[in-house]
Amino acid sequence: MEVRAQVSMTFHLDKCIGCHTCSVACKNIWTDRKGTEYMWWNNVETKPGTGYPSKWEDQDVYKGGWEPKGKSIGLKVTDKFRGLANIFHQPHLPTIDDYYEPWTYKYSDLFDSPAGDDQPTARPVSLITGENMDINAGPNWDDDLSGSEIYAKNDPNFAALSDSEKEALFEIERLVFFYLPRICNHCLNPGCVASCPSGALYKRGEDGIVLLDQNVCRSWRFCVSACPYKKSYYNWSTGKSEKCILCYPRLETGQPPACFHSCVGRIRYLGVVLYDAEMIEQVASAPENELVDLQKEMILDPHDPEVIAQAEKDGVHFSVIESAQKSPVYKFLKEWGLALPLHPEFRTLPMLFYIPPLLPVLGHVEKGNYNVDVENYFGSLDKARLPMKYLAKMFSAGDETKVREVLEKLLAVRMFKRAEQVDDIDKAEVDKMLEKTGLTPEMCEEIYRLTALPTYEDRFVIPPMHREYVADALMGDPYSFKAEAGIGGFKDRPERGL
C-alpha cells in the first residue's frame, strides 16, 4: 500500500440551477485573454444535450481516454509508434467548430451610425479573424433543450435508448433536462499527462492537482486529444496548451476555487481523500462493470490506524490526514455511497464525483392532489421521465444498479424528512425504505444537513498545502522530513500516467 493525498470534488446535481455563475467567475479570472476566448475551463451543460465541445462524450470520434490492451491499458489516441508517426497530424483533434468560433459585436455601428429611417444593428465579428460572421454555435447552444431537435437528439448517451424512448423524451409532457457542470477531473490516471511528448503536464505530489508547465509545452496538442473530457485547450495566440488548475493559488491560501466559491446553488464540495497508488493500474485495467467499485475501493479510510501510519510513512502530513477525516467528498463517496464518477469507462480515474439528479416522474393527479404511491415509492424511479439507462451510461459505464442504489438512498432521505416534517407517511414504511437502502436515521439526518443546510466550512475542507516542505524538498534540505520520502509519496517526480 502506497498512500497519497488527492484534492477531490463532489457536485450535487439535484441542486444545480444552471445559472452559469461558476463559469463566469472562472472566465473572468483565467480565460479573458487573447487566444482563450473560446475556452471555458468550467462550463455547465444541459443534459440531454451534445455538450461542449460538441459530442465530447463520443470517443469513437475523439479517441480520448484509455482502452484495454492485453492485461494492461493504453491510450486510444496514441502510443510510442503512432505518436511518432502522427506527431505533426492528429485526425481526432477537435477543431474550433467543435467548440465555437468566438465573437463580439461592432458596437461602433450603433454609436457612430448616421441618422436614418432604419434602426442600426451591431454585426457579429469573429474574435479570431476579425471578419464579419454568422453565429452558428456557442458554448451553451443547446441550453435548456432550446436546440433539441437539432442538437440534443445527437447526445451520445442516447445510444443505449430505443427510438421510441428517444422520441418520448421530446414530447412536451415528458420534456426533462438537468444541468451538468464540468471542470478538469484531476484524474489519478490522466490521459493528458501520459500523452504529452514534451512532459509539460504533471501531477502535483502534495495534492494531486494536474498542471501544465507552459515553459516546457511545445504545442503538440496530444493533451487535447487524449483527455476524454476535453478539458485541455490550445491557445492559438500563444501556441501553448492551457487547462484548469483548480485555482491552486487560492487553495494554498485556504480559499476554495473561484467556481466553488461563487456557486449559487451550493452544489460543490471540496475535500482531500487518501488513496492507494499501488492500485491505479489494477483499477484502470479492470473490466467496465468493476470500474466504479474498484475506484471506490482504492479510496482509503482516513480513520484506519494502519492507513494513518502508512500515510505518514509515505510523507503525508498529519494535518492533511485530519482534513481527509472531515472531507465531505469521502462522506458522499464512501460512507454514504451517493457519488459516482463521470464516464468511468474512460479509465482515467476522475477525482470529480457526481450525485445523480432525482428526476421528475410521470405521476398523476387524483382529486386535486398529486398521487404518491408510498407502498411502492422506489417504483417511481421506473417512471422517471429520463430512462435509468441514460444516467447509467453517464455515471456507471451502463450499470443501472449502481445509479438505482444512489437514487433509492436519495428517495429514502427525502421520505424520512417528509415523514418527520409533514407527517403524512407511516413510520413503518419509512423504516422499510431505510432497511432496504442500508441507511440509518442518523445517516439520513447527516445527509440532509450536508445537502440542504451546509455551512461554508462543511462544503470546503481545504487541507493545509505545506508549501514550505515543497521548497525544502526541491532544495534538497536534509532536515526536511519529506525530502527523502518525497512529497505525498511521489519521490519528487511528476507522474506521467501508466
Protein backbone atom coordinates (compact mmCIF):
# COMPACT_ATOMS: atom_id res chain seq x y z
CA MET A 1 0.00 0.00 0.00
CA GLU A 2 1.32 3.42 -1.03
CA VAL A 3 -0.82 6.22 0.41
CA ARG A 4 -1.15 9.52 -1.40
CA ALA A 5 -3.37 12.55 -0.88
CA GLN A 6 -5.69 13.90 -3.57
CA VAL A 7 -7.82 17.02 -3.54
CA SER A 8 -11.21 15.79 -4.75
CA MET A 9 -14.62 17.21 -5.51
CA THR A 10 -18.31 16.31 -5.41
CA PHE A 11 -21.06 18.05 -7.40
CA HIS A 12 -24.67 17.54 -6.27
CA LEU A 13 -26.71 17.68 -9.48
CA ASP A 14 -30.05 17.92 -7.67
CA LYS A 15 -29.02 21.40 -6.55
CA CYS A 16 -27.62 22.88 -9.77
CA ILE A 17 -29.88 25.60 -11.19
CA GLY A 18 -27.86 26.16 -14.37
CA CYS A 19 -27.11 29.82 -13.65
CA HIS A 20 -23.53 29.63 -15.05
CA THR A 21 -22.21 31.85 -12.26
CA CYS A 22 -19.37 29.38 -11.80
CA SER A 23 -18.46 29.62 -15.50
CA VAL A 24 -18.44 33.42 -15.44
CA ALA A 25 -16.31 33.53 -12.28
CA CYS A 26 -13.73 31.24 -13.86
CA LYS A 27 -13.85 33.09 -17.17
CA ASN A 28 -13.20 36.46 -15.56
CA ILE A 29 -10.15 35.17 -13.69
CA TRP A 30 -8.45 32.74 -16.05
CA THR A 31 -9.64 32.88 -19.66
CA ASP A 32 -10.26 36.51 -20.55
CA ARG A 33 -7.08 36.81 -22.65
CA LYS A 34 -6.38 36.68 -26.37
CA GLY A 35 -6.46 33.09 -27.58
CA THR A 36 -8.66 31.92 -24.71
CA GLU A 37 -11.93 33.43 -25.88
CA TYR A 38 -13.39 30.02 -26.75
CA MET A 39 -12.10 28.32 -23.59
CA TRP A 40 -14.41 27.50 -20.69
CA TRP A 41 -12.38 25.73 -18.01
CA ASN A 42 -15.69 25.50 -16.18
CA ASN A 43 -18.83 25.04 -18.22
CA VAL A 44 -22.39 23.99 -17.43
CA GLU A 45 -24.13 21.71 -19.93
CA THR A 46 -27.78 20.86 -20.31
CA LYS A 47 -28.46 17.13 -20.40
CA PRO A 48 -29.81 15.66 -22.62
CA GLY A 49 -27.54 17.60 -24.96
CA THR A 50 -24.36 17.34 -27.00
CA GLY A 51 -22.25 19.40 -24.61
CA TYR A 52 -19.09 21.43 -25.18
CA PRO A 53 -17.21 20.74 -27.37
CA SER A 54 -19.94 19.14 -29.42
CA LYS A 55 -20.35 15.40 -28.69
CA TRP A 56 -17.24 15.33 -26.49
CA GLU A 57 -18.51 12.09 -24.92
CA ASP A 58 -18.22 10.20 -28.22
CA GLN A 59 -14.76 8.65 -28.08
CA ASP A 60 -15.34 6.92 -31.39
CA VAL A 61 -14.86 10.42 -32.77
CA TYR A 62 -12.26 11.94 -30.44
CA LYS A 63 -10.37 8.84 -29.24
CA GLY A 64 -9.85 10.24 -25.74
CA GLY A 65 -9.05 8.20 -22.64
CA TRP A 66 -7.70 4.67 -22.33
CA GLU A 67 -8.63 1.27 -23.73
CA PRO A 68 -7.72 -2.29 -22.68
CA LYS A 69 -4.63 -3.68 -24.39
CA GLY A 70 -3.88 -7.19 -23.25
CA LYS A 71 -3.56 -7.29 -19.47
CA SER A 72 -3.00 -3.54 -19.24
CA ILE A 73 -4.36 -0.43 -20.98
CA GLY A 74 -3.11 2.11 -23.50
CA LEU A 75 -4.15 5.50 -24.78
CA LYS A 76 -6.75 5.40 -27.54
CA VAL A 77 -5.26 8.30 -29.45
CA THR A 78 -1.57 7.45 -29.39
CA ASP A 79 1.24 5.17 -28.31
CA LYS A 80 5.01 5.20 -28.82
CA PHE A 81 4.74 4.31 -32.50
CA ARG A 82 1.55 6.11 -33.51
CA GLY A 83 2.66 9.18 -31.60
CA LEU A 84 5.85 9.41 -33.64
CA ALA A 85 4.03 8.79 -36.93
CA ASN A 86 1.26 11.35 -36.24
CA ILE A 87 3.23 13.91 -34.28
CA PHE A 88 2.50 16.59 -36.91
CA HIS A 89 -1.05 15.42 -37.66
CA GLN A 90 -3.84 14.38 -35.35
CA PRO A 91 -7.02 13.42 -37.19
CA HIS A 92 -9.02 13.17 -33.94
CA LEU A 93 -8.18 16.63 -32.64
CA PRO A 94 -11.30 18.80 -32.14
CA THR A 95 -11.47 21.87 -34.33
CA ILE A 96 -12.67 25.35 -33.44
CA ASP A 97 -16.04 24.46 -34.98
CA ASP A 98 -16.43 21.65 -32.43
CA TYR A 99 -16.18 24.32 -29.72
CA TYR A 100 -17.45 27.52 -31.39
CA GLU A 101 -15.88 30.50 -33.12
CA PRO A 102 -15.82 33.29 -30.50
CA TRP A 103 -17.27 36.63 -31.49
CA THR A 104 -18.02 40.16 -30.40
CA TYR A 105 -20.15 42.87 -31.98
CA LYS A 106 -19.37 46.04 -33.93
CA TYR A 107 -20.79 48.35 -31.32
CA SER A 108 -19.40 51.33 -33.18
CA ASP A 109 -22.06 50.68 -35.82
CA LEU A 110 -24.59 51.60 -33.14
CA PHE A 111 -22.81 54.63 -31.71
CA ASP A 112 -21.43 56.15 -34.93
CA SER A 113 -24.28 55.35 -37.31
CA PRO A 114 -25.63 58.42 -39.15
CA ALA A 115 -29.23 59.46 -38.70
CA GLY A 116 -31.64 57.44 -40.81
CA ASP A 117 -35.01 55.78 -41.01
CA ASP A 118 -33.74 52.30 -40.08
CA GLN A 119 -32.53 51.12 -36.69
CA PRO A 120 -28.78 50.40 -36.85
CA THR A 121 -27.56 46.97 -35.83
CA ALA A 122 -24.27 45.67 -34.49
CA ARG A 123 -22.83 42.95 -36.72
CA PRO A 124 -21.13 39.95 -35.11
CA VAL A 125 -17.37 39.87 -35.68
CA SER A 126 -15.02 36.92 -35.21
CA LEU A 127 -12.50 37.37 -32.40
CA ILE A 128 -10.10 35.15 -34.35
CA THR A 129 -10.19 36.58 -37.87
CA GLY A 130 -11.73 39.99 -37.18
CA GLU A 131 -14.16 39.48 -40.06
CA ASN A 132 -17.95 39.59 -40.12
CA MET A 133 -19.50 36.21 -39.36
CA ASP A 134 -22.77 34.38 -38.94
CA ILE A 135 -23.22 32.85 -35.48
CA ASN A 136 -23.84 29.13 -35.81
CA ALA A 137 -22.87 27.77 -32.37
CA GLY A 138 -21.91 28.76 -28.85
CA PRO A 139 -20.79 27.18 -25.57
CA ASN A 140 -24.39 26.71 -24.42
CA TRP A 141 -26.05 26.40 -27.82
CA ASP A 142 -28.46 23.64 -26.71
CA ASP A 143 -29.00 25.08 -23.25
CA ASP A 144 -32.37 24.07 -21.74
CA LEU A 145 -33.11 21.93 -24.81
CA SER A 146 -33.55 25.06 -26.94
CA GLY A 147 -31.95 23.27 -29.86
CA SER A 148 -33.28 19.83 -29.03
CA GLU A 149 -34.48 18.89 -32.49
CA ILE A 150 -31.03 19.50 -33.94
CA TYR A 151 -28.64 19.19 -31.01
CA ALA A 152 -29.98 17.33 -28.00
CA LYS A 153 -31.14 14.38 -30.11
CA ASN A 154 -27.48 13.85 -31.02
CA ASP A 155 -26.50 13.29 -27.36
CA PRO A 156 -24.03 10.33 -27.39
CA ASN A 157 -25.66 8.94 -24.24
CA PHE A 158 -28.80 8.21 -26.27
CA ALA A 159 -27.01 5.24 -27.83
CA ALA A 160 -28.47 2.99 -25.12
CA LEU A 161 -32.05 4.15 -25.73
CA SER A 162 -34.57 2.80 -28.21
CA ASP A 163 -36.02 5.04 -30.92
CA SER A 164 -39.34 5.21 -29.08
CA GLU A 165 -37.62 6.25 -25.85
CA LYS A 166 -35.72 8.98 -27.67
CA GLU A 167 -38.89 10.32 -29.28
CA ALA A 168 -40.79 10.24 -25.98
CA LEU A 169 -38.19 12.45 -24.30
CA PHE A 170 -39.09 15.36 -26.55
CA GLU A 171 -42.83 15.21 -26.04
CA ILE A 172 -43.99 18.28 -24.16
CA GLU A 173 -45.45 16.38 -21.21
CA ARG A 174 -42.25 14.33 -20.87
CA LEU A 175 -39.75 17.13 -21.53
CA VAL A 176 -36.98 16.99 -18.94
CA PHE A 177 -33.43 18.19 -18.51
CA PHE A 178 -30.82 18.67 -15.82
CA TYR A 179 -27.54 20.54 -15.59
CA LEU A 180 -24.05 19.06 -15.65
CA PRO A 181 -21.26 21.42 -14.51
CA ARG A 182 -17.81 20.26 -15.63
CA ILE A 183 -14.22 21.16 -14.79
CA CYS A 184 -10.96 19.23 -15.10
CA ASN A 185 -11.30 16.00 -13.11
CA HIS A 186 -7.63 16.00 -11.96
CA CYS A 187 -7.61 12.27 -12.60
CA LEU A 188 -5.45 9.66 -10.91
CA ASN A 189 -4.55 8.20 -14.32
CA PRO A 190 -4.73 11.30 -16.53
CA GLY A 191 -4.57 10.69 -20.26
CA CYS A 192 -3.31 14.22 -20.87
CA VAL A 193 -0.23 13.65 -18.69
CA ALA A 194 0.59 10.29 -20.25
CA SER A 195 0.23 11.58 -23.82
CA CYS A 196 2.41 14.71 -23.66
CA PRO A 197 5.61 14.15 -25.74
CA SER A 198 7.43 17.05 -24.09
CA GLY A 199 6.47 16.19 -20.49
CA ALA A 200 4.83 19.56 -19.86
CA LEU A 201 1.93 18.07 -17.90
CA TYR A 202 2.44 16.69 -14.41
CA LYS A 203 0.52 15.78 -11.28
CA ARG A 204 1.48 17.66 -8.11
CA GLY A 205 2.65 15.29 -5.43
CA GLU A 206 1.24 17.08 -2.41
CA ASP A 207 -2.37 17.38 -3.62
CA GLY A 208 -2.73 15.57 -6.96
CA ILE A 209 -3.67 18.67 -8.97
CA VAL A 210 -2.80 18.23 -12.67
CA LEU A 211 -0.83 21.21 -14.00
CA LEU A 212 0.77 22.21 -17.29
CA ASP A 213 4.20 23.88 -17.48
CA GLN A 214 3.94 26.30 -20.38
CA ASN A 215 7.71 26.77 -20.42
CA VAL A 216 8.01 23.11 -21.39
CA CYS A 217 4.92 22.91 -23.66
CA ARG A 218 5.83 22.55 -27.35
CA SER A 219 2.30 22.74 -28.80
CA TRP A 220 1.97 19.08 -29.79
CA ARG A 221 -1.63 19.14 -28.51
CA PHE A 222 -1.73 15.44 -27.66
CA CYS A 223 -3.16 16.50 -24.29
CA VAL A 224 -6.22 17.93 -26.05
CA SER A 225 -6.78 14.68 -27.93
CA ALA A 226 -6.04 12.30 -25.06
CA CYS A 227 -8.28 13.99 -22.48
CA PRO A 228 -11.69 12.32 -22.94
CA TYR A 229 -13.40 15.17 -21.09
CA LYS A 230 -11.81 17.75 -23.40
CA LYS A 231 -10.63 19.93 -20.55
CA SER A 232 -7.22 20.71 -22.03
CA TYR A 233 -7.27 23.55 -24.54
CA TYR A 234 -4.92 25.05 -27.14
CA ASN A 235 -4.27 28.79 -27.06
CA TRP A 236 -3.99 29.75 -30.73
CA SER A 237 -2.38 33.07 -29.83
CA THR A 238 0.47 31.89 -27.56
CA GLY A 239 0.90 28.46 -29.15
CA LYS A 240 0.63 26.78 -25.73
CA SER A 241 -1.89 24.46 -24.14
CA GLU A 242 -3.86 25.54 -21.08
CA LYS A 243 -6.19 23.85 -18.59
CA CYS A 244 -7.99 24.20 -15.27
CA ILE A 245 -5.53 24.48 -12.38
CA LEU A 246 -8.20 24.10 -9.68
CA CYS A 247 -7.31 27.63 -8.58
CA TYR A 248 -4.33 26.22 -6.64
CA PRO A 249 -3.12 29.74 -5.66
CA ARG A 250 -6.42 30.11 -3.82
CA LEU A 251 -6.19 26.64 -2.26
CA GLU A 252 -2.71 27.45 -0.96
CA THR A 253 -4.19 30.38 0.95
CA GLY A 254 -7.12 28.38 2.32
CA GLN A 255 -9.72 29.55 -0.20
CA PRO A 256 -11.85 27.31 -2.43
CA PRO A 257 -11.57 27.62 -6.24
CA ALA A 258 -13.45 30.53 -7.76
CA CYS A 259 -16.17 28.35 -9.32
CA PHE A 260 -16.76 26.67 -5.95
CA HIS A 261 -16.82 29.93 -4.02
CA SER A 262 -19.29 31.60 -6.41
CA CYS A 263 -21.70 28.66 -6.77
CA VAL A 264 -25.22 29.98 -6.19
CA GLY A 265 -26.80 26.56 -5.68
CA ARG A 266 -24.04 25.49 -3.28
CA ILE A 267 -23.76 22.22 -5.15
CA ARG A 268 -19.96 21.98 -4.87
CA TYR A 269 -18.00 20.23 -2.18
CA LEU A 270 -14.22 20.01 -1.89
CA GLY A 271 -12.02 17.91 0.34
CA VAL A 272 -8.96 15.69 0.34
CA VAL A 273 -9.06 11.89 0.14
CA LEU A 274 -6.35 9.29 0.69
CA TYR A 275 -5.88 6.58 -1.91
CA ASP A 276 -3.70 3.56 -2.58
CA ALA A 277 -1.45 4.47 -5.51
CA GLU A 278 -0.41 0.86 -5.98
CA MET A 279 -3.95 0.09 -7.19
CA ILE A 280 -4.01 2.59 -10.07
CA GLU A 281 -3.05 0.17 -12.84
CA GLN A 282 -5.23 -2.62 -11.42
CA VAL A 283 -8.29 -0.37 -11.24
CA ALA A 284 -7.76 1.33 -14.60
CA SER A 285 -7.33 -2.05 -16.31
CA ALA A 286 -10.39 -3.68 -14.74
CA PRO A 287 -13.49 -4.77 -16.69
CA GLU A 288 -16.04 -1.98 -17.17
CA ASN A 289 -18.54 -3.49 -14.74
CA GLU A 290 -15.92 -3.38 -11.95
CA LEU A 291 -14.53 0.13 -12.51
CA VAL A 292 -16.84 2.03 -10.14
CA ASP A 293 -16.49 -0.40 -7.23
CA LEU A 294 -12.72 -0.69 -7.58
CA GLN A 295 -12.26 3.07 -7.79
CA LYS A 296 -14.17 3.41 -4.53
CA GLU A 297 -12.12 0.58 -3.04
CA MET A 298 -8.84 2.38 -3.70
CA ILE A 299 -10.08 5.36 -1.64
CA LEU A 300 -8.80 4.58 1.85
CA ASP A 301 -10.42 5.08 5.26
CA PRO A 302 -8.63 8.08 6.86
CA HIS A 303 -9.69 6.86 10.32
CA ASP A 304 -7.96 3.48 9.92
CA PRO A 305 -4.81 3.39 12.12
CA GLU A 306 -2.98 1.29 9.52
CA VAL A 307 -3.78 3.80 6.78
CA ILE A 308 -2.72 6.71 9.01
CA ALA A 309 0.60 5.06 9.84
CA GLN A 310 1.35 4.27 6.20
CA ALA A 311 0.30 7.75 5.08
CA GLU A 312 2.74 9.40 7.48
CA LYS A 313 5.44 6.97 6.38
CA ASP A 314 4.77 7.97 2.75
CA GLY A 315 5.13 11.66 3.58
CA VAL A 316 1.51 12.76 4.00
CA HIS A 317 1.39 15.38 6.73
CA PHE A 318 -0.91 14.56 9.66
CA SER A 319 -2.81 17.82 9.16
CA VAL A 320 -3.74 16.56 5.68
CA ILE A 321 -4.90 13.27 7.21
CA GLU A 322 -7.06 15.24 9.66
CA SER A 323 -8.58 17.11 6.71
CA ALA A 324 -9.30 13.79 4.99
CA GLN A 325 -11.19 12.65 8.09
CA LYS A 326 -13.51 15.67 7.75
CA SER A 327 -13.78 15.56 3.95
CA PRO A 328 -17.34 15.88 2.57
CA VAL A 329 -16.15 14.07 -0.57
CA TYR A 330 -15.23 10.99 1.48
CA LYS A 331 -18.63 11.06 3.17
CA PHE A 332 -20.60 11.27 -0.07
CA LEU A 333 -18.42 8.75 -1.88
CA LYS A 334 -17.53 6.10 0.68
CA GLU A 335 -19.61 6.49 3.85
CA TRP A 336 -22.95 7.04 2.14
CA GLY A 337 -22.30 5.72 -1.39
CA LEU A 338 -24.09 8.62 -3.08
CA ALA A 339 -21.45 9.86 -5.55
CA LEU A 340 -20.34 8.36 -8.85
CA PRO A 341 -17.61 9.23 -11.39
CA LEU A 342 -18.48 10.69 -14.78
CA HIS A 343 -17.85 8.14 -17.55
CA PRO A 344 -15.66 5.71 -15.61
CA GLU A 345 -15.23 3.72 -18.82
CA PHE A 346 -12.71 6.36 -19.95
CA ARG A 347 -10.39 4.77 -17.33
CA THR A 348 -8.71 8.00 -16.25
CA LEU A 349 -9.98 7.52 -12.66
CA PRO A 350 -11.52 11.00 -12.32
CA MET A 351 -11.47 12.65 -8.92
CA LEU A 352 -14.61 14.68 -9.50
CA PHE A 353 -17.71 12.75 -8.42
CA TYR A 354 -21.37 13.49 -9.12
CA ILE A 355 -24.54 12.81 -7.15
CA PRO A 356 -27.07 11.94 -9.90
CA PRO A 357 -30.27 14.02 -10.05
CA LEU A 358 -33.64 12.77 -8.85
CA LEU A 359 -35.60 13.48 -11.99
CA PRO A 360 -39.37 14.15 -12.05
CA VAL A 361 -41.71 11.21 -12.59
CA LEU A 362 -44.77 10.79 -14.77
CA GLY A 363 -47.32 10.83 -12.00
CA HIS A 364 -51.00 11.71 -11.97
CA VAL A 365 -53.40 13.91 -10.03
CA GLU A 366 -56.28 12.46 -8.02
CA LYS A 367 -58.95 14.75 -6.51
CA GLY A 368 -56.67 17.74 -6.89
CA ASN A 369 -53.69 16.09 -5.23
CA TYR A 370 -50.59 14.68 -6.87
CA ASN A 371 -50.59 10.93 -6.27
CA VAL A 372 -47.70 9.49 -4.21
CA ASP A 373 -47.51 5.71 -4.12
CA VAL A 374 -45.86 5.21 -0.73
CA GLU A 375 -46.05 1.44 -0.78
CA ASN A 376 -44.04 1.34 -4.00
CA TYR A 377 -42.20 4.61 -3.76
CA PHE A 378 -38.99 3.20 -5.25
CA GLY A 379 -41.09 2.22 -8.25
CA SER A 380 -41.22 5.90 -9.16
CA LEU A 381 -37.69 5.52 -10.45
CA ASP A 382 -39.06 3.34 -13.22
CA LYS A 383 -41.47 6.14 -14.12
CA ALA A 384 -38.83 8.85 -14.32
CA ARG A 385 -39.05 10.95 -17.46
CA LEU A 386 -35.42 10.20 -18.29
CA PRO A 387 -34.71 6.45 -18.52
CA MET A 388 -32.39 4.99 -15.91
CA LYS A 389 -30.15 3.64 -18.65
CA TYR A 390 -29.36 7.21 -19.71
CA LEU A 391 -27.96 8.12 -16.29
CA ALA A 392 -26.18 4.76 -16.12
CA LYS A 393 -24.48 5.49 -19.43
CA MET A 394 -23.07 8.67 -17.89
CA PHE A 395 -22.18 7.65 -14.35
CA SER A 396 -21.64 3.90 -14.14
CA ALA A 397 -20.48 2.60 -17.52
CA GLY A 398 -24.01 1.37 -18.22
CA ASP A 399 -24.65 -0.43 -14.90
CA GLU A 400 -28.17 0.66 -13.94
CA THR A 401 -27.99 -0.94 -10.48
CA LYS A 402 -25.26 1.49 -9.40
CA VAL A 403 -27.36 4.54 -10.27
CA ARG A 404 -30.52 3.00 -8.86
CA GLU A 405 -28.84 2.36 -5.49
CA VAL A 406 -27.90 6.04 -5.26
CA LEU A 407 -31.35 7.30 -6.25
CA GLU A 408 -33.06 4.93 -3.80
CA LYS A 409 -30.94 6.36 -0.98
CA LEU A 410 -31.82 9.90 -2.03
CA LEU A 411 -35.51 8.95 -2.09
CA ALA A 412 -35.22 7.34 1.34
CA VAL A 413 -33.72 10.53 2.80
CA ARG A 414 -36.47 12.58 1.18
CA MET A 415 -39.20 10.36 2.61
CA PHE A 416 -37.52 10.27 6.03
CA LYS A 417 -37.61 14.07 6.24
CA ARG A 418 -41.12 14.22 4.80
CA ALA A 419 -42.41 11.82 7.44
CA GLU A 420 -40.70 13.94 10.08
CA GLN A 421 -41.81 17.37 8.91
CA VAL A 422 -45.11 16.76 7.08
CA ASP A 423 -46.20 13.62 8.97
CA ASP A 424 -48.20 12.16 6.10
CA ILE A 425 -46.26 8.90 5.75
CA ASP A 426 -46.36 5.94 8.08
CA LYS A 427 -43.13 5.49 10.01
CA ALA A 428 -43.18 1.75 9.28
CA GLU A 429 -42.99 2.48 5.54
CA VAL A 430 -40.01 4.77 6.08
CA ASP A 431 -38.29 2.11 8.16
CA LYS A 432 -38.69 -0.32 5.27
CA MET A 433 -37.04 2.15 2.93
CA LEU A 434 -34.14 2.68 5.30
CA GLU A 435 -33.69 -1.04 5.76
CA LYS A 436 -33.61 -1.62 2.01
CA THR A 437 -31.05 1.10 1.39
CA GLY A 438 -28.87 0.41 4.42
CA LEU A 439 -29.33 3.88 5.83
CA THR A 440 -30.00 4.79 9.45
CA PRO A 441 -31.97 7.76 10.81
CA GLU A 442 -28.66 9.32 11.92
CA MET A 443 -27.21 8.96 8.43
CA CYS A 444 -30.34 10.42 6.85
CA GLU A 445 -30.13 13.44 9.12
CA GLU A 446 -26.43 13.93 8.35
CA ILE A 447 -27.02 13.59 4.59
CA TYR A 448 -29.86 16.09 4.82
CA ARG A 449 -27.73 18.57 6.78
CA LEU A 450 -24.76 18.35 4.40
CA THR A 451 -27.02 18.56 1.36
CA ALA A 452 -29.58 21.18 2.36
CA LEU A 453 -28.02 23.18 5.21
CA PRO A 454 -24.23 23.04 4.79
CA THR A 455 -22.04 25.83 6.07
CA TYR A 456 -19.02 27.16 4.21
CA GLU A 457 -16.76 25.04 6.40
CA ASP A 458 -18.88 21.95 5.78
CA ARG A 459 -18.62 22.25 2.00
CA PHE A 460 -14.96 23.18 1.74
CA VAL A 461 -12.48 21.27 3.89
CA ILE A 462 -9.26 22.57 2.37
CA PRO A 463 -6.14 20.73 3.52
CA PRO A 464 -3.04 22.68 4.52
CA MET A 465 -0.74 22.70 1.48
CA HIS A 466 2.56 22.89 3.42
CA ARG A 467 4.36 24.63 0.60
CA GLU A 468 7.32 25.12 2.94
CA TYR A 469 8.05 21.40 2.71
CA VAL A 470 7.92 21.52 -1.07
CA ALA A 471 10.55 24.27 -1.09
CA ASP A 472 12.73 22.28 1.30
CA ALA A 473 12.42 19.14 -0.80
CA LEU A 474 13.26 20.93 -4.04
CA MET A 475 16.35 22.47 -2.43
CA GLY A 476 17.37 19.11 -1.00
CA ASP A 477 17.17 20.16 2.64
CA PRO A 478 18.35 17.07 4.59
CA TYR A 479 16.30 18.18 7.59
CA SER A 480 13.01 18.17 5.69
CA PHE A 481 11.02 15.11 6.72
CA LYS A 482 9.71 14.94 3.15
CA ALA A 483 12.97 15.38 1.29
CA GLU A 484 13.66 11.64 1.46
CA ALA A 485 10.13 10.22 1.28
CA GLY A 486 9.02 12.57 -1.49
CA ILE A 487 6.11 14.97 -1.30
CA GLY A 488 2.99 12.91 -0.90
CA GLY A 489 4.96 9.81 -1.77
CA PHE A 490 5.73 10.96 -5.33
CA LYS A 491 9.52 10.90 -4.85
CA ASP A 492 9.64 14.48 -6.21
CA ARG A 493 8.86 13.35 -9.75
CA PRO A 494 5.95 14.37 -11.95
CA GLU A 495 3.58 11.49 -12.64
CA ARG A 496 3.28 10.50 -16.29
CA GLY A 497 0.37 8.08 -16.04
CA LEU A 498 0.55 4.39 -16.83
